[in-house]
PDB file of N, CA and C in Angstrom:
ATOM      1  N   MET A   1     -23.226  -9.381  -0.147  1.00  0.00           N
ATOM      2  CA  MET A   1     -22.002  -8.930  -0.777  1.00  0.00           C
ATOM      3  C   MET A   1     -20.912  -8.789   0.286  1.00  0.00           C
ATOM      4  N   PRO A   2     -19.705  -9.369   0.046  1.00  0.00           N
ATOM      5  CA  PRO A   2     -18.644  -9.294   1.050  1.00  0.00           C
ATOM      6  C   PRO A   2     -18.107  -7.877   1.214  1.00  0.00           C
ATOM      7  N   VAL A   3     -17.653  -7.590   2.399  1.00  0.00           N
ATOM      8  CA  VAL A   3     -17.055  -6.286   2.687  1.00  0.00           C
ATOM      9  C   VAL A   3     -15.666  -6.239   2.054  1.00  0.00           C
ATOM     10  N   THR A   4     -15.368  -5.153   1.370  1.00  0.00           N
ATOM     11  CA  THR A   4     -14.041  -4.987   0.797  1.00  0.00           C
ATOM     12  C   THR A   4     -13.049  -4.808   1.939  1.00  0.00           C
ATOM     13  N   GLN A   5     -12.017  -5.645   1.938  1.00  0.00           N
ATOM     14  CA  GLN A   5     -11.021  -5.600   2.997  1.00  0.00           C
ATOM     15  C   GLN A   5      -9.799  -4.783   2.597  1.00  0.00           C
ATOM     16  N   LEU A   6      -9.449  -4.842   1.314  1.00  0.00           N
ATOM     17  CA  LEU A   6      -8.287  -4.109   0.823  1.00  0.00           C
ATOM     18  C   LEU A   6      -8.713  -3.106  -0.236  1.00  0.00           C
ATOM     19  N   HIS A   7      -8.357  -1.880  -0.015  1.00  0.00           N
ATOM     20  CA  HIS A   7      -8.574  -0.835  -1.008  1.00  0.00           C
ATOM     21  C   HIS A   7      -7.188  -0.465  -1.527  1.00  0.00           C
ATOM     22  N   LEU A   8      -6.991  -0.597  -2.823  1.00  0.00           N
ATOM     23  CA  LEU A   8      -5.689  -0.369  -3.442  1.00  0.00           C
ATOM     24  C   LEU A   8      -5.768   0.889  -4.301  1.00  0.00           C
ATOM     25  N   VAL A   9      -5.045   1.928  -3.897  1.00  0.00           N
ATOM     26  CA  VAL A   9      -5.100   3.218  -4.574  1.00  0.00           C
ATOM     27  C   VAL A   9      -3.907   3.328  -5.521  1.00  0.00           C
ATOM     28  N   PHE A  10      -4.180   3.654  -6.792  1.00  0.00           N
ATOM     29  CA  PHE A  10      -3.101   3.782  -7.763  1.00  0.00           C
ATOM     30  C   PHE A  10      -3.310   4.993  -8.649  1.00  0.00           C
ATOM     31  N   GLY A  11      -2.232   5.425  -9.284  1.00  0.00           N
ATOM     32  CA  GLY A  11      -2.290   6.543 -10.207  1.00  0.00           C
ATOM     33  C   GLY A  11      -0.942   7.219 -10.311  1.00  0.00           C
ATOM     34  N   PRO A  12      -0.831   8.171 -11.236  1.00  0.00           N
ATOM     35  CA  PRO A  12       0.448   8.850 -11.453  1.00  0.00           C
ATOM     36  C   PRO A  12       0.809   9.790 -10.303  1.00  0.00           C
ATOM     37  N   GLN A  13       2.088  10.113 -10.234  1.00  0.00           N
ATOM     38  CA  GLN A  13       2.577  11.037  -9.223  1.00  0.00           C
ATOM     39  C   GLN A  13       1.846  12.377  -9.358  1.00  0.00           C
ATOM     40  N   GLY A  14       1.459  12.935  -8.229  1.00  0.00           N
ATOM     41  CA  GLY A  14       0.796  14.232  -8.220  1.00  0.00           C
ATOM     42  C   GLY A  14      -0.696  14.184  -8.499  1.00  0.00           C
ATOM     43  N   ALA A  15      -1.281  12.981  -8.542  1.00  0.00           N
ATOM     44  CA  ALA A  15      -2.706  12.835  -8.858  1.00  0.00           C
ATOM     45  C   ALA A  15      -3.600  12.887  -7.620  1.00  0.00           C
ATOM     46  N   CYS A  16      -3.046  13.223  -6.468  1.00  0.00           N
ATOM     47  CA  CYS A  16      -3.785  13.310  -5.198  1.00  0.00           C
ATOM     48  C   CYS A  16      -4.197  11.937  -4.660  1.00  0.00           C
ATOM     49  N   LYS A  17      -3.393  10.912  -4.949  1.00  0.00           N
ATOM     50  CA  LYS A  17      -3.668   9.568  -4.429  1.00  0.00           C
ATOM     51  C   LYS A  17      -3.694   9.564  -2.907  1.00  0.00           C
ATOM     52  N   SER A  18      -2.708  10.191  -2.299  1.00  0.00           N
ATOM     53  CA  SER A  18      -2.617  10.157  -0.836  1.00  0.00           C
ATOM     54  C   SER A  18      -3.792  10.870  -0.184  1.00  0.00           C
ATOM     55  N   THR A  19      -4.192  11.987  -0.760  1.00  0.00           N
ATOM     56  CA  THR A  19      -5.366  12.701  -0.235  1.00  0.00           C
ATOM     57  C   THR A  19      -6.598  11.820  -0.343  1.00  0.00           C
ATOM     58  N   HIS A  20      -6.788  11.207  -1.498  1.00  0.00           N
ATOM     59  CA  HIS A  20      -7.921  10.313  -1.694  1.00  0.00           C
ATOM     60  C   HIS A  20      -7.840   9.125  -0.731  1.00  0.00           C
ATOM     61  N   ALA A  21      -6.656   8.550  -0.574  1.00  0.00           N
ATOM     62  CA  ALA A  21      -6.490   7.375   0.293  1.00  0.00           C
ATOM     63  C   ALA A  21      -6.810   7.713   1.746  1.00  0.00           C
ATOM     64  N   ARG A  22      -6.369   8.872   2.220  1.00  0.00           N
ATOM     65  CA  ARG A  22      -6.677   9.262   3.605  1.00  0.00           C
ATOM     66  C   ARG A  22      -8.177   9.437   3.809  1.00  0.00           C
ATOM     67  N   LYS A  23      -8.844  10.091   2.858  1.00  0.00           N
ATOM     68  CA  LYS A  23     -10.297  10.275   2.966  1.00  0.00           C
ATOM     69  C   LYS A  23     -11.025   8.935   2.886  1.00  0.00           C
ATOM     70  N   LEU A  24     -10.566   8.060   2.013  1.00  0.00           N
ATOM     71  CA  LEU A  24     -11.167   6.736   1.874  1.00  0.00           C
ATOM     72  C   LEU A  24     -10.995   5.934   3.160  1.00  0.00           C
ATOM     73  N   ALA A  25      -9.804   5.980   3.749  1.00  0.00           N
ATOM     74  CA  ALA A  25      -9.555   5.259   5.001  1.00  0.00           C
ATOM     75  C   ALA A  25     -10.488   5.742   6.104  1.00  0.00           C
ATOM     76  N   GLU A  26     -10.683   7.041   6.160  1.00  0.00           N
ATOM     77  CA  GLU A  26     -11.591   7.590   7.167  1.00  0.00           C
ATOM     78  C   GLU A  26     -13.028   7.121   6.914  1.00  0.00           C
ATOM     79  N   ALA A  27     -13.474   7.193   5.677  1.00  0.00           N
ATOM     80  CA  ALA A  27     -14.841   6.800   5.331  1.00  0.00           C
ATOM     81  C   ALA A  27     -15.078   5.308   5.558  1.00  0.00           C
ATOM     82  N   GLU A  28     -14.062   4.491   5.298  1.00  0.00           N
ATOM     83  CA  GLU A  28     -14.195   3.036   5.419  1.00  0.00           C
ATOM     84  C   GLU A  28     -13.787   2.512   6.791  1.00  0.00           C
ATOM     85  N   GLN A  29     -13.394   3.420   7.687  1.00  0.00           N
ATOM     86  CA  GLN A  29     -12.863   3.032   8.995  1.00  0.00           C
ATOM     87  C   GLN A  29     -11.748   2.004   8.803  1.00  0.00           C
ATOM     88  N   ALA A  30     -10.805   2.366   7.936  1.00  0.00           N
ATOM     89  CA  ALA A  30      -9.712   1.485   7.559  1.00  0.00           C
ATOM     90  C   ALA A  30      -8.376   2.072   7.994  1.00  0.00           C
ATOM     91  N   VAL A  31      -7.369   1.222   8.019  1.00  0.00           N
ATOM     92  CA  VAL A  31      -5.997   1.661   8.304  1.00  0.00           C
ATOM     93  C   VAL A  31      -5.356   2.084   6.991  1.00  0.00           C
ATOM     94  N   HIS A  32      -4.778   3.269   6.987  1.00  0.00           N
ATOM     95  CA  HIS A  32      -4.116   3.818   5.791  1.00  0.00           C
ATOM     96  C   HIS A  32      -2.632   3.476   5.860  1.00  0.00           C
ATOM     97  N   LEU A  33      -2.135   2.720   4.878  1.00  0.00           N
ATOM     98  CA  LEU A  33      -0.725   2.357   4.793  1.00  0.00           C
ATOM     99  C   LEU A  33      -0.155   2.982   3.524  1.00  0.00           C
ATOM    100  N   ALA A  34       0.726   3.962   3.686  1.00  0.00           N
ATOM    101  CA  ALA A  34       1.254   4.715   2.548  1.00  0.00           C
ATOM    102  C   ALA A  34       2.759   4.502   2.405  1.00  0.00           C
ATOM    103  N   ILE A  35       3.195   4.150   1.210  1.00  0.00           N
ATOM    104  CA  ILE A  35       4.610   3.924   0.931  1.00  0.00           C
ATOM    105  C   ILE A  35       5.437   5.173   1.233  1.00  0.00           C
ATOM    106  N   ASP A  36       4.921   6.358   0.957  1.00  0.00           N
ATOM    107  CA  ASP A  36       5.679   7.590   1.207  1.00  0.00           C
ATOM    108  C   ASP A  36       6.010   7.742   2.691  1.00  0.00           C
ATOM    109  N   ASP A  37       5.060   7.412   3.562  1.00  0.00           N
ATOM    110  CA  ASP A  37       5.297   7.503   5.006  1.00  0.00           C
ATOM    111  C   ASP A  37       6.394   6.533   5.433  1.00  0.00           C
ATOM    112  N   TRP A  38       6.296   5.302   4.976  1.00  0.00           N
ATOM    113  CA  TRP A  38       7.272   4.273   5.350  1.00  0.00           C
ATOM    114  C   TRP A  38       8.662   4.633   4.822  1.00  0.00           C
ATOM    115  N   MET A  39       8.747   4.998   3.558  1.00  0.00           N
ATOM    116  CA  MET A  39      10.045   5.318   2.963  1.00  0.00           C
ATOM    117  C   MET A  39      10.667   6.530   3.643  1.00  0.00           C
ATOM    118  N   GLY A  40       9.864   7.566   3.870  1.00  0.00           N
ATOM    119  CA  GLY A  40      10.373   8.784   4.490  1.00  0.00           C
ATOM    120  C   GLY A  40      10.902   8.550   5.892  1.00  0.00           C
ATOM    121  N   GLN A  41      10.160   7.802   6.688  1.00  0.00           N
ATOM    122  CA  GLN A  41      10.567   7.587   8.072  1.00  0.00           C
ATOM    123  C   GLN A  41      11.692   6.572   8.209  1.00  0.00           C
ATOM    124  N   LEU A  42      11.659   5.511   7.401  1.00  0.00           N
ATOM    125  CA  LEU A  42      12.660   4.461   7.546  1.00  0.00           C
ATOM    126  C   LEU A  42      13.980   4.788   6.844  1.00  0.00           C
ATOM    127  N   PHE A  43      13.902   5.404   5.673  1.00  0.00           N
ATOM    128  CA  PHE A  43      15.101   5.571   4.868  1.00  0.00           C
ATOM    129  C   PHE A  43      15.454   7.009   4.531  1.00  0.00           C
ATOM    130  N   GLY A  44      14.516   7.937   4.655  1.00  0.00           N
ATOM    131  CA  GLY A  44      14.761   9.323   4.268  1.00  0.00           C
ATOM    132  C   GLY A  44      16.006   9.936   4.872  1.00  0.00           C
ATOM    133  N   PRO A  45      16.190   9.826   6.189  1.00  0.00           N
ATOM    134  CA  PRO A  45      17.353  10.465   6.805  1.00  0.00           C
ATOM    135  C   PRO A  45      18.693   9.865   6.378  1.00  0.00           C
ATOM    136  N   ASP A  46      18.679   8.635   5.864  1.00  0.00           N
ATOM    137  CA  ASP A  46      19.926   7.935   5.567  1.00  0.00           C
ATOM    138  C   ASP A  46      20.210   7.775   4.080  1.00  0.00           C
ATOM    139  N   LEU A  47      19.376   8.344   3.218  1.00  0.00           N
ATOM    140  CA  LEU A  47      19.594   8.161   1.789  1.00  0.00           C
ATOM    141  C   LEU A  47      20.888   8.822   1.349  1.00  0.00           C
ATOM    142  N   PRO A  48      21.706   8.084   0.608  1.00  0.00           N
ATOM    143  CA  PRO A  48      22.961   8.665   0.127  1.00  0.00           C
ATOM    144  C   PRO A  48      22.697   9.695  -0.969  1.00  0.00           C
ATOM    145  N   GLN A  49      23.586  10.651  -1.070  1.00  0.00           N
ATOM    146  CA  GLN A  49      23.520  11.647  -2.130  1.00  0.00           C
ATOM    147  C   GLN A  49      24.769  11.526  -2.983  1.00  0.00           C
ATOM    148  N   PRO A  50      24.695  11.462  -4.267  1.00  0.00           N
ATOM    149  CA  PRO A  50      23.462  11.444  -5.056  1.00  0.00           C
ATOM    150  C   PRO A  50      22.719  10.119  -4.876  1.00  0.00           C
ATOM    151  N   LEU A  51      21.427  10.163  -5.178  1.00  0.00           N
ATOM    152  CA  LEU A  51      20.590   8.986  -5.011  1.00  0.00           C
ATOM    153  C   LEU A  51      21.016   7.869  -5.954  1.00  0.00           C
ATOM    154  N   ASP A  52      20.978   6.675  -5.440  1.00  0.00           N
ATOM    155  CA  ASP A  52      21.213   5.469  -6.225  1.00  0.00           C
ATOM    156  C   ASP A  52      19.847   4.853  -6.495  1.00  0.00           C
ATOM    157  N   PHE A  53      19.362   4.963  -7.732  1.00  0.00           N
ATOM    158  CA  PHE A  53      18.013   4.511  -8.066  1.00  0.00           C
ATOM    159  C   PHE A  53      17.807   3.041  -7.709  1.00  0.00           C
ATOM    160  N   GLY A  54      18.787   2.197  -7.979  1.00  0.00           N
ATOM    161  CA  GLY A  54      18.670   0.778  -7.641  1.00  0.00           C
ATOM    162  C   GLY A  54      18.507   0.560  -6.152  1.00  0.00           C
ATOM    163  N   GLY A  55      19.256   1.318  -5.366  1.00  0.00           N
ATOM    164  CA  GLY A  55      19.144   1.213  -3.912  1.00  0.00           C
ATOM    165  C   GLY A  55      17.792   1.680  -3.407  1.00  0.00           C
ATOM    166  N   VAL A  56      17.286   2.742  -4.007  1.00  0.00           N
ATOM    167  CA  VAL A  56      15.960   3.248  -3.623  1.00  0.00           C
ATOM    168  C   VAL A  56      14.887   2.210  -3.947  1.00  0.00           C
ATOM    169  N   MET A  57      14.967   1.612  -5.127  1.00  0.00           N
ATOM    170  CA  MET A  57      13.945   0.631  -5.523  1.00  0.00           C
ATOM    171  C   MET A  57      14.003  -0.617  -4.646  1.00  0.00           C
ATOM    172  N   GLU A  58      15.177  -1.014  -4.178  1.00  0.00           N
ATOM    173  CA  GLU A  58      15.278  -2.146  -3.248  1.00  0.00           C
ATOM    174  C   GLU A  58      14.597  -1.798  -1.929  1.00  0.00           C
ATOM    175  N   ARG A  59      14.773  -0.574  -1.481  1.00  0.00           N
ATOM    176  CA  ARG A  59      14.105  -0.142  -0.240  1.00  0.00           C
ATOM    177  C   ARG A  59      12.595  -0.089  -0.436  1.00  0.00           C
ATOM    178  N   VAL A  60      12.146   0.373  -1.589  1.00  0.00           N
ATOM    179  CA  VAL A  60      10.705   0.378  -1.891  1.00  0.00           C
ATOM    180  C   VAL A  60      10.166  -1.045  -1.840  1.00  0.00           C
ATOM    181  N   ALA A  61      10.865  -1.983  -2.442  1.00  0.00           N
ATOM    182  CA  ALA A  61      10.417  -3.381  -2.448  1.00  0.00           C
ATOM    183  C   ALA A  61      10.336  -3.935  -1.032  1.00  0.00           C
ATOM    184  N   ARG A  62      11.313  -3.608  -0.194  1.00  0.00           N
ATOM    185  CA  ARG A  62      11.266  -4.072   1.200  1.00  0.00           C
ATOM    186  C   ARG A  62      10.065  -3.481   1.928  1.00  0.00           C
ATOM    187  N   CYS A  63       9.809  -2.192   1.709  1.00  0.00           N
ATOM    188  CA  CYS A  63       8.653  -1.553   2.348  1.00  0.00           C
ATOM    189  C   CYS A  63       7.349  -2.181   1.857  1.00  0.00           C
ATOM    190  N   GLU A  64       7.252  -2.431   0.557  1.00  0.00           N
ATOM    191  CA  GLU A  64       6.031  -3.050   0.021  1.00  0.00           C
ATOM    192  C   GLU A  64       5.779  -4.416   0.641  1.00  0.00           C
ATOM    193  N   ARG A  65       6.839  -5.213   0.817  1.00  0.00           N
ATOM    194  CA  ARG A  65       6.664  -6.528   1.455  1.00  0.00           C
ATOM    195  C   ARG A  65       6.180  -6.366   2.888  1.00  0.00           C
ATOM    196  N   ARG A  66       6.764  -5.439   3.619  1.00  0.00           N
ATOM    197  CA  ARG A  66       6.386  -5.233   5.016  1.00  0.00           C
ATOM    198  C   ARG A  66       4.961  -4.671   5.102  1.00  0.00           C
ATOM    199  N   ILE A  67       4.609  -3.764   4.201  1.00  0.00           N
ATOM    200  CA  ILE A  67       3.255  -3.207   4.182  1.00  0.00           C
ATOM    201  C   ILE A  67       2.248  -4.312   3.903  1.00  0.00           C
ATOM    202  N   TRP A  68       2.559  -5.210   2.962  1.00  0.00           N
ATOM    203  CA  TRP A  68       1.641  -6.313   2.673  1.00  0.00           C
ATOM    204  C   TRP A  68       1.429  -7.171   3.923  1.00  0.00           C
ATOM    205  N   LEU A  69       2.509  -7.536   4.604  1.00  0.00           N
ATOM    206  CA  LEU A  69       2.383  -8.372   5.800  1.00  0.00           C
ATOM    207  C   LEU A  69       1.603  -7.658   6.897  1.00  0.00           C
ATOM    208  N   THR A  70       1.799  -6.354   7.017  1.00  0.00           N
ATOM    209  CA  THR A  70       1.049  -5.567   8.000  1.00  0.00           C
ATOM    210  C   THR A  70      -0.429  -5.526   7.626  1.00  0.00           C
ATOM    211  N   ALA A  71      -0.715  -5.297   6.355  1.00  0.00           N
ATOM    212  CA  ALA A  71      -2.109  -5.277   5.884  1.00  0.00           C
ATOM    213  C   ALA A  71      -2.776  -6.613   6.145  1.00  0.00           C
ATOM    214  N   LEU A  72      -2.087  -7.695   5.849  1.00  0.00           N
ATOM    215  CA  LEU A  72      -2.634  -9.029   6.059  1.00  0.00           C
ATOM    216  C   LEU A  72      -2.927  -9.263   7.536  1.00  0.00           C
ATOM    217  N   ALA A  73      -2.034  -8.840   8.410  1.00  0.00           N
ATOM    218  CA  ALA A  73      -2.252  -8.993   9.845  1.00  0.00           C
ATOM    219  C   ALA A  73      -3.467  -8.200  10.312  1.00  0.00           C
ATOM    220  N   ILE A  74      -3.635  -7.004   9.771  1.00  0.00           N
ATOM    221  CA  ILE A  74      -4.790  -6.177  10.150  1.00  0.00           C
ATOM    222  C   ILE A  74      -6.085  -6.841   9.706  1.00  0.00           C
ATOM    223  N   VAL A  75      -6.121  -7.280   8.465  1.00  0.00           N
ATOM    224  CA  VAL A  75      -7.333  -7.883   7.921  1.00  0.00           C
ATOM    225  C   VAL A  75      -7.640  -9.204   8.620  1.00  0.00           C
ATOM    226  N   ARG A  76      -6.618  -9.989   8.873  1.00  0.00           N
ATOM    227  CA  ARG A  76      -6.805 -11.292   9.504  1.00  0.00           C
ATOM    228  C   ARG A  76      -7.030 -11.187  11.001  1.00  0.00           C
ATOM    229  N   GLY A  77      -6.862 -10.001  11.566  1.00  0.00           N
ATOM    230  CA  GLY A  77      -6.997  -9.813  13.003  1.00  0.00           C
ATOM    231  C   GLY A  77      -8.413  -9.983  13.504  1.00  0.00           C
ATOM    232  N   GLY A  78      -9.339 -10.257  12.615  1.00  0.00           N
ATOM    233  CA  GLY A  78     -10.718 -10.449  13.031  1.00  0.00           C
ATOM    234  C   GLY A  78     -11.500  -9.155  12.952  1.00  0.00           C
ATOM    235  N   GLY A  79     -12.766  -9.291  13.154  1.00  0.00           N
ATOM    236  CA  GLY A  79     -13.627  -8.115  13.114  1.00  0.00           C
ATOM    237  C   GLY A  79     -13.715  -7.535  11.722  1.00  0.00           C
ATOM    238  N   ARG A  80     -13.647  -6.219  11.651  1.00  0.00           N
ATOM    239  CA  ARG A  80     -13.830  -5.516  10.385  1.00  0.00           C
ATOM    240  C   ARG A  80     -12.521  -4.933   9.883  1.00  0.00           C
ATOM    241  N   GLY A  81     -11.449  -5.682   9.970  1.00  0.00           N
ATOM    242  CA  GLY A  81     -10.144  -5.180   9.544  1.00  0.00           C
ATOM    243  C   GLY A  81     -10.154  -4.775   8.080  1.00  0.00           C
ATOM    244  N   ARG A  82      -9.895  -3.520   7.834  1.00  0.00           N
ATOM    245  CA  ARG A  82      -9.848  -2.985   6.476  1.00  0.00           C
ATOM    246  C   ARG A  82      -8.587  -2.147   6.323  1.00  0.00           C
ATOM    247  N   VAL A  83      -8.050  -2.171   5.113  1.00  0.00           N
ATOM    248  CA  VAL A  83      -6.813  -1.459   4.848  1.00  0.00           C
ATOM    249  C   VAL A  83      -6.927  -0.712   3.533  1.00  0.00           C
ATOM    250  N   VAL A  84      -6.401   0.507   3.525  1.00  0.00           N
ATOM    251  CA  VAL A  84      -6.226   1.267   2.290  1.00  0.00           C
ATOM    252  C   VAL A  84      -4.729   1.302   2.025  1.00  0.00           C
ATOM    253  N   GLN A  85      -4.307   0.682   0.925  1.00  0.00           N
ATOM    254  CA  GLN A  85      -2.895   0.659   0.561  1.00  0.00           C
ATOM    255  C   GLN A  85      -2.633   1.742  -0.478  1.00  0.00           C
ATOM    256  N   ASP A  86      -1.796   2.673  -0.097  1.00  0.00           N
ATOM    257  CA  ASP A  86      -1.434   3.825  -0.924  1.00  0.00           C
ATOM    258  C   ASP A  86       0.021   3.643  -1.351  1.00  0.00           C
ATOM    259  N   LEU A  87       0.227   2.758  -2.350  1.00  0.00           N
ATOM    260  CA  LEU A  87       1.579   2.397  -2.758  1.00  0.00           C
ATOM    261  C   LEU A  87       1.956   2.933  -4.131  1.00  0.00           C
ATOM    262  N   GLY A  88       1.080   3.630  -4.770  1.00  0.00           N
ATOM    263  CA  GLY A  88       1.367   4.151  -6.101  1.00  0.00           C
ATOM    264  C   GLY A  88       0.939   3.191  -7.191  1.00  0.00           C
ATOM    265  N   PHE A  89       1.443   1.951  -7.107  1.00  0.00           N
ATOM    266  CA  PHE A  89       1.089   0.914  -8.082  1.00  0.00           C
ATOM    267  C   PHE A  89       1.188   1.434  -9.513  1.00  0.00           C
ATOM    268  N   MET A  90       2.305   2.063  -9.832  1.00  0.00           N
ATOM    269  CA  MET A  90       2.474   2.664 -11.149  1.00  0.00           C
ATOM    270  C   MET A  90       2.578   1.645 -12.277  1.00  0.00           C
ATOM    271  N   LYS A  91       3.067   0.460 -11.981  1.00  0.00           N
ATOM    272  CA  LYS A  91       3.247  -0.552 -13.021  1.00  0.00           C
ATOM    273  C   LYS A  91       2.205  -1.648 -12.894  1.00  0.00           C
ATOM    274  N   ALA A  92       1.752  -2.134 -14.034  1.00  0.00           N
ATOM    275  CA  ALA A  92       0.748  -3.197 -14.055  1.00  0.00           C
ATOM    276  C   ALA A  92       1.223  -4.429 -13.298  1.00  0.00           C
ATOM    277  N   ALA A  93       2.514  -4.727 -13.364  1.00  0.00           N
ATOM    278  CA  ALA A  93       3.044  -5.904 -12.670  1.00  0.00           C
ATOM    279  C   ALA A  93       2.864  -5.780 -11.156  1.00  0.00           C
ATOM    280  N   GLY A  94       3.091  -4.593 -10.626  1.00  0.00           N
ATOM    281  CA  GLY A  94       2.900  -4.367  -9.192  1.00  0.00           C
ATOM    282  C   GLY A  94       1.444  -4.497  -8.793  1.00  0.00           C
ATOM    283  N   ARG A  95       0.572  -3.946  -9.612  1.00  0.00           N
ATOM    284  CA  ARG A  95      -0.864  -4.072  -9.335  1.00  0.00           C
ATOM    285  C   ARG A  95      -1.265  -5.541  -9.364  1.00  0.00           C
ATOM    286  N   GLY A  96      -0.781  -6.252 -10.367  1.00  0.00           N
ATOM    287  CA  GLY A  96      -1.111  -7.670 -10.495  1.00  0.00           C
ATOM    288  C   GLY A  96      -0.601  -8.494  -9.330  1.00  0.00           C
ATOM    289  N   ARG A  97       0.595  -8.157  -8.852  1.00  0.00           N
ATOM    290  CA  ARG A  97       1.180  -8.891  -7.731  1.00  0.00           C
ATOM    291  C   ARG A  97       0.330  -8.743  -6.475  1.00  0.00           C
ATOM    292  N   PHE A  98      -0.100  -7.523  -6.167  1.00  0.00           N
ATOM    293  CA  PHE A  98      -0.893  -7.316  -4.960  1.00  0.00           C
ATOM    294  C   PHE A  98      -2.290  -7.909  -5.107  1.00  0.00           C
ATOM    295  N   LEU A  99      -2.858  -7.845  -6.305  1.00  0.00           N
ATOM    296  CA  LEU A  99      -4.163  -8.462  -6.528  1.00  0.00           C
ATOM    297  C   LEU A  99      -4.062  -9.978  -6.384  1.00  0.00           C
ATOM    298  N   ALA A 100      -2.977 -10.573  -6.883  1.00  0.00           N
ATOM    299  CA  ALA A 100      -2.766 -12.015  -6.749  1.00  0.00           C
ATOM    300  C   ALA A 100      -2.588 -12.404  -5.275  1.00  0.00           C
ATOM    301  N   LEU A 101      -1.875 -11.579  -4.506  1.00  0.00           N
ATOM    302  CA  LEU A 101      -1.713 -11.852  -3.081  1.00  0.00           C
ATOM    303  C   LEU A 101      -3.063 -11.815  -2.364  1.00  0.00           C
ATOM    304  N   ALA A 102      -3.880 -10.823  -2.695  1.00  0.00           N
ATOM    305  CA  ALA A 102      -5.215 -10.738  -2.086  1.00  0.00           C
ATOM    306  C   ALA A 102      -6.027 -11.979  -2.427  1.00  0.00           C
ATOM    307  N   ASP A 103      -6.011 -12.360  -3.682  1.00  0.00           N
ATOM    308  CA  ASP A 103      -6.757 -13.536  -4.122  1.00  0.00           C
ATOM    309  C   ASP A 103      -6.246 -14.798  -3.435  1.00  0.00           C
ATOM    310  N   GLU A 104      -4.938 -14.917  -3.353  1.00  0.00           N
ATOM    311  CA  GLU A 104      -4.315 -16.085  -2.716  1.00  0.00           C
ATOM    312  C   GLU A 104      -4.767 -16.254  -1.270  1.00  0.00           C
ATOM    313  N   HIS A 105      -5.020 -15.137  -0.603  1.00  0.00           N
ATOM    314  CA  HIS A 105      -5.432 -15.169   0.802  1.00  0.00           C
ATOM    315  C   HIS A 105      -6.943 -15.041   0.974  1.00  0.00           C
ATOM    316  N   GLY A 106      -7.681 -15.105  -0.129  1.00  0.00           N
ATOM    317  CA  GLY A 106      -9.136 -15.043  -0.057  1.00  0.00           C
ATOM    318  C   GLY A 106      -9.687 -13.708   0.380  1.00  0.00           C
ATOM    319  N   LEU A 107      -8.978 -12.631   0.040  1.00  0.00           N
ATOM    320  CA  LEU A 107      -9.394 -11.299   0.463  1.00  0.00           C
ATOM    321  C   LEU A 107     -10.068 -10.557  -0.671  1.00  0.00           C
ATOM    322  N   SER A 108     -11.035  -9.750  -0.315  1.00  0.00           N
ATOM    323  CA  SER A 108     -11.716  -8.907  -1.280  1.00  0.00           C
ATOM    324  C   SER A 108     -10.897  -7.626  -1.464  1.00  0.00           C
ATOM    325  N   ALA A 109     -10.627  -7.284  -2.739  1.00  0.00           N
ATOM    326  CA  ALA A 109      -9.837  -6.081  -3.021  1.00  0.00           C
ATOM    327  C   ALA A 109     -10.574  -5.217  -4.023  1.00  0.00           C
ATOM    328  N   LYS A 110     -10.383  -3.915  -3.890  1.00  0.00           N
ATOM    329  CA  LYS A 110     -11.014  -2.962  -4.812  1.00  0.00           C
ATOM    330  C   LYS A 110      -9.986  -1.916  -5.209  1.00  0.00           C
ATOM    331  N   TRP A 111      -9.919  -1.626  -6.507  1.00  0.00           N
ATOM    332  CA  TRP A 111      -9.017  -0.592  -7.023  1.00  0.00           C
ATOM    333  C   TRP A 111      -9.675   0.775  -7.009  1.00  0.00           C
ATOM    334  N   HIS A 112      -8.890   1.771  -6.673  1.00  0.00           N
ATOM    335  CA  HIS A 112      -9.362   3.163  -6.680  1.00  0.00           C
ATOM    336  C   HIS A 112      -8.375   3.984  -7.478  1.00  0.00           C
TER     337      HIS A 112
END
């Protein structure tokens, strides 16, 4: 049985996804990539007030693309590269997109 390379954590806000993802990353000896960390560090200090939802979603999309490329580099880096992606995946389309990317690159993915 192939080793799962990508663990994709999804669920509603406040469901303890990040807590679960951190514990899973530790158990799987995987790199934890969380959208909240990326958004907070890259854009948090500069977000305009009041928030522009469209602008926030564009930043989320940019972070998701960069997280995917980072995850792919980790997994493709050889050895036992494993990643836990903690992106929320609230919409079926987003889940489908990341699953299709994993499949396209021949990677094993598991939903949590």
